[in-house]
Every structure is written in C-alpha cells, then in structure tokens.
C-alpha cells in the first residue's frame, strides 16, 4: 500500500483500515509461529503499512485540532475587542 492510496481517506476510513491491518498482522504472526506462512516478508510489509496509516492518521488529527484551535482563537479575539 502506498501513501498516495491512503492519503485521501478520511479519519474514520483510516481507523478502519488500521484495525484491519492490525488484525492481518496478528494472523500473519500466528501463521509465522506455526510455520504456515509462505512469505515472511509479508509481516514486514504489513507492519510498515500500519506505520504509514498511523502517521497519516496522526497528521490529520493534528491538522483538525489546529484548525479547531484557530477557529477558537479567532472567536476569542473578536469577543475581547
């Protein structure tokens, strides 16, 4: 999964995708421990996808908080003037 693919997703979609990937990682780890996993590289790929999703999710949450904070600041400036 590339950043371009997940960059335009909403926060809710990112959270859903994150939980799916975490479940997939748990299944892959189970398969790895029981020697049923054909490609161990898949574990690394899923871990990196999780990290990408978490990074974008954090960025979007901070941007939403910053825009909310800017709106509050503008309102308080208007009230005090």
PDB file of N, CA and C in Angstrom:
ATOM      1  N   UNK A   1       0.842  -1.159   0.000  1.00  0.00           N
ATOM      2  CA  UNK A   1       0.000   0.000   0.000  1.00  0.00           C
ATOM      3  C   UNK A   1       0.895   1.232   0.000  1.00  0.00           C
ATOM      4  N   UNK A   2       0.562   2.155  -0.841  1.00  0.00           N
ATOM      5  CA  UNK A   2       1.355   3.367  -0.947  1.00  0.00           C
ATOM      6  C   UNK A   2       0.638   4.523  -0.251  1.00  0.00           C
ATOM      7  N   UNK A   3       1.413   5.537   0.101  1.00  0.00           N
ATOM      8  CA  UNK A   3       0.871   6.699   0.780  1.00  0.00           C
ATOM      9  C   UNK A   3      -0.167   7.385  -0.094  1.00  0.00           C
ATOM     10  N   UNK A   4       0.062   7.403  -1.384  1.00  0.00           N
ATOM     11  CA  UNK A   4      -0.860   8.040  -2.316  1.00  0.00           C
ATOM     12  C   UNK A   4      -2.242   7.397  -2.228  1.00  0.00           C
ATOM     13  N   UNK A   5      -2.280   6.083  -2.018  1.00  0.00           N
ATOM     14  CA  UNK A   5      -3.545   5.365  -1.941  1.00  0.00           C
ATOM     15  C   UNK A   5      -4.344   5.738  -0.700  1.00  0.00           C
ATOM     16  N   UNK A   6      -3.665   5.990   0.413  1.00  0.00           N
ATOM     17  CA  UNK A   6      -4.372   6.227   1.667  1.00  0.00           C
ATOM     18  C   UNK A   6      -4.425   7.694   2.072  1.00  0.00           C
ATOM     19  N   UNK A   7      -3.756   8.548   1.340  1.00  0.00           N
ATOM     20  CA  UNK A   7      -3.670   9.960   1.706  1.00  0.00           C
ATOM     21  C   UNK A   7      -5.021  10.662   1.677  1.00  0.00           C
ATOM     22  N   UNK A   8      -5.892  10.277   0.753  1.00  0.00           N
ATOM     23  CA  UNK A   8      -7.171  10.949   0.584  1.00  0.00           C
ATOM     24  C   UNK A   8      -8.289  10.357   1.428  1.00  0.00           C
ATOM     25  N   UNK A   9      -7.990   9.346   2.243  1.00  0.00           N
ATOM     26  CA  UNK A   9      -9.014   8.724   3.067  1.00  0.00           C
ATOM     27  C   UNK A   9      -9.351   9.607   4.265  1.00  0.00           C
ATOM     28  N   UNK A  10     -10.568   9.482   4.744  1.00  0.00           N
ATOM     29  CA  UNK A  10     -10.980  10.246   5.920  1.00  0.00           C
ATOM     30  C   UNK A  10     -10.420   9.584   7.183  1.00  0.00           C
ATOM     31  N   UNK A  11     -10.574  10.259   8.303  1.00  0.00           N
ATOM     32  CA  UNK A  11     -10.057   9.746   9.568  1.00  0.00           C
ATOM     33  C   UNK A  11     -10.743   8.434   9.930  1.00  0.00           C
ATOM     34  N   UNK A  12     -12.053   8.346   9.719  1.00  0.00           N
ATOM     35  CA  UNK A  12     -12.785   7.115  10.033  1.00  0.00           C
ATOM     36  C   UNK A  12     -12.317   5.956   9.162  1.00  0.00           C
ATOM     37  N   UNK A  13     -12.106   6.225   7.881  1.00  0.00           N
ATOM     38  CA  UNK A  13     -11.628   5.185   6.975  1.00  0.00           C
ATOM     39  C   UNK A  13     -10.221   4.736   7.350  1.00  0.00           C
ATOM     40  N   UNK A  14      -9.382   5.676   7.766  1.00  0.00           N
ATOM     41  CA  UNK A  14      -8.035   5.326   8.200  1.00  0.00           C
ATOM     42  C   UNK A  14      -8.074   4.447   9.445  1.00  0.00           C
ATOM     43  N   UNK A  15      -8.956   4.771  10.377  1.00  0.00           N
ATOM     44  CA  UNK A  15      -9.078   3.956  11.590  1.00  0.00           C
ATOM     45  C   UNK A  15      -9.552   2.543  11.253  1.00  0.00           C
ATOM     46  N   UNK A  16     -10.506   2.449  10.325  1.00  0.00           N
ATOM     47  CA  UNK A  16     -10.998   1.134   9.901  1.00  0.00           C
ATOM     48  C   UNK A  16      -9.890   0.337   9.226  1.00  0.00           C
ATOM     49  N   UNK A  17      -9.149   1.009   8.358  1.00  0.00           N
ATOM     50  CA  UNK A  17      -8.046   0.340   7.657  1.00  0.00           C
ATOM     51  C   UNK A  17      -6.964  -0.083   8.644  1.00  0.00           C
ATOM     52  N   UNK A  18      -6.714   0.743   9.653  1.00  0.00           N
ATOM     53  CA  UNK A  18      -5.718   0.426  10.673  1.00  0.00           C
ATOM     54  C   UNK A  18      -6.109  -0.832  11.443  1.00  0.00           C
ATOM     55  N   UNK A  19      -7.360  -0.930  11.840  1.00  0.00           N
ATOM     56  CA  UNK A  19      -7.784  -2.123  12.589  1.00  0.00           C
ATOM     57  C   UNK A  19      -7.718  -3.365  11.710  1.00  0.00           C
ATOM     58  N   UNK A  20      -8.039  -3.230  10.431  1.00  0.00           N
ATOM     59  CA  UNK A  20      -7.936  -4.367   9.509  1.00  0.00           C
ATOM     60  C   UNK A  20      -6.488  -4.834   9.379  1.00  0.00           C
ATOM     61  N   UNK A  21      -5.580  -3.881   9.247  1.00  0.00           N
ATOM     62  CA  UNK A  21      -4.165  -4.224   9.105  1.00  0.00           C
ATOM     63  C   UNK A  21      -3.606  -4.846  10.395  1.00  0.00           C
ATOM     64  N   UNK A  22      -4.045  -4.360  11.541  1.00  0.00           N
ATOM     65  CA  UNK A  22      -3.580  -4.925  12.802  1.00  0.00           C
ATOM     66  C   UNK A  22      -4.085  -6.357  12.961  1.00  0.00           C
ATOM     67  N   UNK A  23      -5.313  -6.605  12.530  1.00  0.00           N
ATOM     68  CA  UNK A  23      -5.843  -7.965  12.570  1.00  0.00           C
ATOM     69  C   UNK A  23      -5.066  -8.864  11.614  1.00  0.00           C
ATOM     70  N   UNK A  24      -4.753  -8.338  10.452  1.00  0.00           N
ATOM     71  CA  UNK A  24      -3.974  -9.089   9.472  1.00  0.00           C
ATOM     72  C   UNK A  24      -2.594  -9.425  10.025  1.00  0.00           C
ATOM     73  N   UNK A  25      -1.981  -8.468  10.724  1.00  0.00           N
ATOM     74  CA  UNK A  25      -0.667  -8.708  11.313  1.00  0.00           C
ATOM     75  C   UNK A  25      -0.736  -9.807  12.368  1.00  0.00           C
ATOM     76  N   UNK A  26      -1.780  -9.804  13.168  1.00  0.00           N
ATOM     77  CA  UNK A  26      -1.935 -10.845  14.186  1.00  0.00           C
ATOM     78  C   UNK A  26      -2.065 -12.213  13.535  1.00  0.00           C
ATOM     79  N   UNK A  27      -2.836 -12.286  12.454  1.00  0.00           N
ATOM     80  CA  UNK A  27      -2.979 -13.555  11.739  1.00  0.00           C
ATOM     81  C   UNK A  27      -1.658 -14.005  11.127  1.00  0.00           C
ATOM     82  N   UNK A  28      -0.912 -13.058  10.561  1.00  0.00           N
ATOM     83  CA  UNK A  28       0.376 -13.397   9.962  1.00  0.00           C
ATOM     84  C   UNK A  28       1.363 -13.882  11.016  1.00  0.00           C
ATOM     85  N   UNK A  29       1.360 -13.255  12.185  1.00  0.00           N
ATOM     86  CA  UNK A  29       2.250 -13.683  13.256  1.00  0.00           C
ATOM     87  C   UNK A  29       1.898 -15.081  13.735  1.00  0.00           C
ATOM     88  N   UNK A  30       0.599 -15.372  13.785  1.00  0.00           N
ATOM     89  CA  UNK A  30       0.178 -16.715  14.168  1.00  0.00           C
ATOM     90  C   UNK A  30       0.649 -17.727  13.139  1.00  0.00           C
ATOM     91  N   UNK A  31       0.466 -17.415  11.865  1.00  0.00           N
ATOM     92  CA  UNK A  31       0.921 -18.307  10.806  1.00  0.00           C
ATOM     93  C   UNK A  31       2.433 -18.476  10.841  1.00  0.00           C
ATOM     94  N   UNK A  32       3.146 -17.410  11.146  1.00  0.00           N
ATOM     95  CA  UNK A  32       4.598 -17.474  11.225  1.00  0.00           C
ATOM     96  C   UNK A  32       5.039 -18.396  12.357  1.00  0.00           C
ATOM     97  N   UNK A  33       4.372 -18.290  13.493  1.00  0.00           N
ATOM     98  CA  UNK A  33       4.763 -19.115  14.637  1.00  0.00           C
ATOM     99  C   UNK A  33       4.431 -20.583  14.427  1.00  0.00           C
ATOM    100  N   UNK A  34       3.427 -20.872  13.613  1.00  0.00           N
ATOM    101  CA  UNK A  34       3.077 -22.274  13.345  1.00  0.00           C
ATOM    102  C   UNK A  34       3.705 -22.782  12.048  1.00  0.00           C
ATOM    103  N   UNK A  35       4.612 -22.002  11.497  1.00  0.00           N
ATOM    104  CA  UNK A  35       5.348 -22.363  10.267  1.00  0.00           C
ATOM    105  C   UNK A  35       4.432 -22.597   9.076  1.00  0.00           C
ATOM    106  N   UNK A  36       3.347 -21.866   8.994  1.00  0.00           N
ATOM    107  CA  UNK A  36       2.430 -21.986   7.867  1.00  0.00           C
ATOM    108  C   UNK A  36       2.545 -20.805   6.903  1.00  0.00           C
ATOM    109  N   UNK A  37       3.357 -19.824   7.259  1.00  0.00           N
ATOM    110  CA  UNK A  37       3.477 -18.618   6.440  1.00  0.00           C
ATOM    111  C   UNK A  37       4.446 -18.875   5.295  1.00  0.00           C
ATOM    112  N   UNK A  38       3.979 -18.626   4.070  1.00  0.00           N
ATOM    113  CA  UNK A  38       4.808 -18.861   2.897  1.00  0.00           C
ATOM    114  C   UNK A  38       5.820 -17.748   2.672  1.00  0.00           C
ATOM    115  N   UNK A  39       5.419 -16.501   2.969  1.00  0.00           N
ATOM    116  CA  UNK A  39       6.296 -15.366   2.719  1.00  0.00           C
ATOM    117  C   UNK A  39       6.448 -14.523   3.986  1.00  0.00           C
ATOM    118  N   UNK A  40       7.555 -14.692   4.727  1.00  0.00           N
ATOM    119  CA  UNK A  40       7.756 -13.919   5.944  1.00  0.00           C
ATOM    120  C   UNK A  40       7.911 -12.418   5.685  1.00  0.00           C
ATOM    121  N   UNK A  41       8.211 -12.041   4.472  1.00  0.00           N
ATOM    122  CA  UNK A  41       8.347 -10.637   4.114  1.00  0.00           C
ATOM    123  C   UNK A  41       7.012  -9.918   4.273  1.00  0.00           C
ATOM    124  N   UNK A  42       5.925 -10.647   4.170  1.00  0.00           N
ATOM    125  CA  UNK A  42       4.583 -10.059   4.299  1.00  0.00           C
ATOM    126  C   UNK A  42       4.394  -9.421   5.679  1.00  0.00           C
ATOM    127  N   UNK A  43       5.012  -9.986   6.714  1.00  0.00           N
ATOM    128  CA  UNK A  43       4.906  -9.422   8.063  1.00  0.00           C
ATOM    129  C   UNK A  43       5.516  -8.026   8.075  1.00  0.00           C
ATOM    130  N   UNK A  44       6.669  -7.863   7.483  1.00  0.00           N
ATOM    131  CA  UNK A  44       7.329  -6.566   7.429  1.00  0.00           C
ATOM    132  C   UNK A  44       6.486  -5.556   6.650  1.00  0.00           C
ATOM    133  N   UNK A  45       5.926  -6.000   5.539  1.00  0.00           N
ATOM    134  CA  UNK A  45       5.106  -5.121   4.714  1.00  0.00           C
ATOM    135  C   UNK A  45       3.883  -4.620   5.475  1.00  0.00           C
ATOM    136  N   UNK A  46       3.225  -5.503   6.195  1.00  0.00           N
ATOM    137  CA  UNK A  46       2.036  -5.110   6.956  1.00  0.00           C
ATOM    138  C   UNK A  46       2.421  -4.172   8.093  1.00  0.00           C
ATOM    139  N   UNK A  47       3.536  -4.424   8.759  1.00  0.00           N
ATOM    140  CA  UNK A  47       3.990  -3.531   9.829  1.00  0.00           C
ATOM    141  C   UNK A  47       4.260  -2.130   9.295  1.00  0.00           C
ATOM    142  N   UNK A  48       4.848  -2.048   8.134  1.00  0.00           N
ATOM    143  CA  UNK A  48       5.135  -0.743   7.530  1.00  0.00           C
ATOM    144  C   UNK A  48       3.855  -0.041   7.094  1.00  0.00           C
ATOM    145  N   UNK A  49       2.889  -0.818   6.599  1.00  0.00           N
ATOM    146  CA  UNK A  49       1.601  -0.237   6.239  1.00  0.00           C
ATOM    147  C   UNK A  49       0.912   0.338   7.468  1.00  0.00           C
ATOM    148  N   UNK A  50       0.990  -0.374   8.583  1.00  0.00           N
ATOM    149  CA  UNK A  50       0.407   0.105   9.837  1.00  0.00           C
ATOM    150  C   UNK A  50       1.073   1.418  10.242  1.00  0.00           C
ATOM    151  N   UNK A  51       2.374   1.482  10.123  1.00  0.00           N
ATOM    152  CA  UNK A  51       3.097   2.706  10.475  1.00  0.00           C
ATOM    153  C   UNK A  51       2.691   3.864   9.574  1.00  0.00           C
ATOM    154  N   UNK A  52       2.518   3.611   8.288  1.00  0.00           N
ATOM    155  CA  UNK A  52       2.089   4.655   7.361  1.00  0.00           C
ATOM    156  C   UNK A  52       0.708   5.177   7.733  1.00  0.00           C
ATOM    157  N   UNK A  53      -0.198   4.259   8.023  1.00  0.00           N
ATOM    158  CA  UNK A  53      -1.560   4.651   8.378  1.00  0.00           C
ATOM    159  C   UNK A  53      -1.560   5.454   9.669  1.00  0.00           C
ATOM    160  N   UNK A  54      -0.799   5.004  10.663  1.00  0.00           N
ATOM    161  CA  UNK A  54      -0.743   5.717  11.934  1.00  0.00           C
ATOM    162  C   UNK A  54      -0.167   7.119  11.751  1.00  0.00           C
ATOM    163  N   UNK A  55       0.829   7.257  10.906  1.00  0.00           N
ATOM    164  CA  UNK A  55       1.428   8.560  10.652  1.00  0.00           C
ATOM    165  C   UNK A  55       0.416   9.512  10.015  1.00  0.00           C
ATOM    166  N   UNK A  56      -0.258   9.051   8.974  1.00  0.00           N
ATOM    167  CA  UNK A  56      -1.246   9.895   8.306  1.00  0.00           C
ATOM    168  C   UNK A  56      -2.421  10.212   9.225  1.00  0.00           C
ATOM    169  N   UNK A  57      -2.825   9.244  10.030  1.00  0.00           N
ATOM    170  CA  UNK A  57      -3.918   9.463  10.967  1.00  0.00           C
ATOM    171  C   UNK A  57      -3.550  10.539  11.981  1.00  0.00           C
ATOM    172  N   UNK A  58      -2.351  10.459  12.491  1.00  0.00           N
ATOM    173  CA  UNK A  58      -1.883  11.460  13.461  1.00  0.00           C
ATOM    174  C   UNK A  58      -1.802  12.844  12.820  1.00  0.00           C
ATOM    175  N   UNK A  59      -1.296  12.916  11.597  1.00  0.00           N
ATOM    176  CA  UNK A  59      -1.199  14.196  10.902  1.00  0.00           C
ATOM    177  C   UNK A  59      -2.578  14.818  10.684  1.00  0.00           C
ATOM    178  N   UNK A  60      -3.539  14.002  10.278  1.00  0.00           N
ATOM    179  CA  UNK A  60      -4.878  14.517  10.030  1.00  0.00           C
ATOM    180  C   UNK A  60      -5.551  14.953  11.326  1.00  0.00           C
ATOM    181  N   UNK A  61      -5.330  14.208  12.407  1.00  0.00           N
ATOM    182  CA  UNK A  61      -5.920  14.585  13.687  1.00  0.00           C
ATOM    183  C   UNK A  61      -5.317  15.891  14.197  1.00  0.00           C
ATOM    184  N   UNK A  62      -4.011  16.059  14.039  1.00  0.00           N
ATOM    185  CA  UNK A  62      -3.371  17.301  14.470  1.00  0.00           C
ATOM    186  C   UNK A  62      -3.834  18.475  13.619  1.00  0.00           C
ATOM    187  N   UNK A  63      -4.012  18.249  12.316  1.00  0.00           N
ATOM    188  CA  UNK A  63      -4.490  19.318  11.441  1.00  0.00           C
ATOM    189  C   UNK A  63      -5.911  19.716  11.813  1.00  0.00           C
ATOM    190  N   UNK A  64      -6.737  18.738  12.144  1.00  0.00           N
ATOM    191  CA  UNK A  64      -8.111  19.037  12.550  1.00  0.00           C
ATOM    192  C   UNK A  64      -8.117  19.786  13.870  1.00  0.00           C
ATOM    193  N   UNK A  65      -7.262  19.402  14.792  1.00  0.00           N
ATOM    194  CA  UNK A  65      -7.182  20.087  16.081  1.00  0.00           C
ATOM    195  C   UNK A  65      -6.660  21.513  15.895  1.00  0.00           C
ATOM    196  N   UNK A  66      -5.700  21.686  15.018  1.00  0.00           N
ATOM    197  CA  UNK A  66      -5.138  23.018  14.771  1.00  0.00           C
ATOM    198  C   UNK A  66      -6.177  23.934  14.136  1.00  0.00           C
ATOM    199  N   UNK A  67      -6.955  23.408  13.214  1.00  0.00           N
ATOM    200  CA  UNK A  67      -7.985  24.236  12.589  1.00  0.00           C
ATOM    201  C   UNK A  67      -9.080  24.575  13.599  1.00  0.00           C
ATOM    202  N   UNK A  68      -9.394  23.662  14.485  1.00  0.00           N
ATOM    203  CA  UNK A  68     -10.361  23.937  15.543  1.00  0.00           C
ATOM    204  C   UNK A  68      -9.825  24.954  16.520  1.00  0.00           C
ATOM    205  N   UNK A  69      -8.547  24.885  16.825  1.00  0.00           N
ATOM    206  CA  UNK A  69      -7.916  25.838  17.737  1.00  0.00           C
ATOM    207  C   UNK A  69      -7.868  27.222  17.103  1.00  0.00           C
ATOM    208  N   UNK A  70      -7.594  27.285  15.800  1.00  0.00           N
ATOM    209  CA  UNK A  70      -7.548  28.576  15.111  1.00  0.00           C
ATOM    210  C   UNK A  70      -8.926  29.224  15.120  1.00  0.00           C
ATOM    211  N   UNK A  71      -9.950  28.438  14.962  1.00  0.00           N
ATOM    212  CA  UNK A  71     -11.308  28.969  14.987  1.00  0.00           C
ATOM    213  C   UNK A  71     -11.636  29.512  16.372  1.00  0.00           C
ATOM    214  N   UNK A  72     -11.248  28.795  17.413  1.00  0.00           N
ATOM    215  CA  UNK A  72     -11.494  29.259  18.779  1.00  0.00           C
ATOM    216  C   UNK A  72     -10.727  30.551  19.053  1.00  0.00           C
ATOM    217  N   UNK A  73      -9.503  30.638  18.566  1.00  0.00           N
ATOM    218  CA  UNK A  73      -8.684  31.832  18.776  1.00  0.00           C
ATOM    219  C   UNK A  73      -9.319  33.037  18.094  1.00  0.00           C
ATOM    220  N   UNK A  74      -9.814  32.833  16.874  1.00  0.00           N
ATOM    221  CA  UNK A  74     -10.458  33.925  16.148  1.00  0.00           C
ATOM    222  C   UNK A  74     -11.702  34.405  16.886  1.00  0.00           C
ATOM    223  N   UNK A  75     -12.462  33.488  17.441  1.00  0.00           N
ATOM    224  CA  UNK A  75     -13.690  33.852  18.162  1.00  0.00           C
ATOM    225  C   UNK A  75     -13.372  34.619  19.428  1.00  0.00           C
ATOM    226  N   UNK A  76     -12.324  34.209  20.156  1.00  0.00           N
ATOM    227  CA  UNK A  76     -11.988  34.907  21.390  1.00  0.00           C
ATOM    228  C   UNK A  76     -11.432  36.281  21.091  1.00  0.00           C
ATOM    229  N   UNK A  77     -10.715  36.447  19.999  1.00  0.00           N
ATOM    230  CA  UNK A  77     -10.188  37.752  19.650  1.00  0.00           C
ATOM    231  C   UNK A  77     -11.331  38.721  19.314  1.00  0.00           C
ATOM    232  N   UNK A  78     -12.327  38.213  18.673  1.00  0.00           N
ATOM    233  CA  UNK A  78     -13.469  39.043  18.309  1.00  0.00           C
ATOM    234  C   UNK A  78     -14.216  39.471  19.569  1.00  0.00           C
ATOM    235  N   UNK A  79     -14.368  38.559  20.519  1.00  0.00           N
ATOM    236  CA  UNK A  79     -15.106  38.858  21.744  1.00  0.00           C
ATOM    237  C   UNK A  79     -14.375  39.878  22.611  1.00  0.00           C
ATOM    238  N   UNK A  80     -13.058  39.807  22.687  1.00  0.00           N
ATOM    239  CA  UNK A  80     -12.303  40.696  23.554  1.00  0.00           C
ATOM    240  C   UNK A  80     -12.140  42.097  22.972  1.00  0.00           C
ATOM    241  N   UNK A  81     -12.273  42.224  21.669  1.00  0.00           N
ATOM    242  CA  UNK A  81     -12.074  43.535  21.032  1.00  0.00           C
ATOM    243  C   UNK A  81     -13.233  44.458  21.198  1.00  0.00           C
TER     244      UNK A  81
END
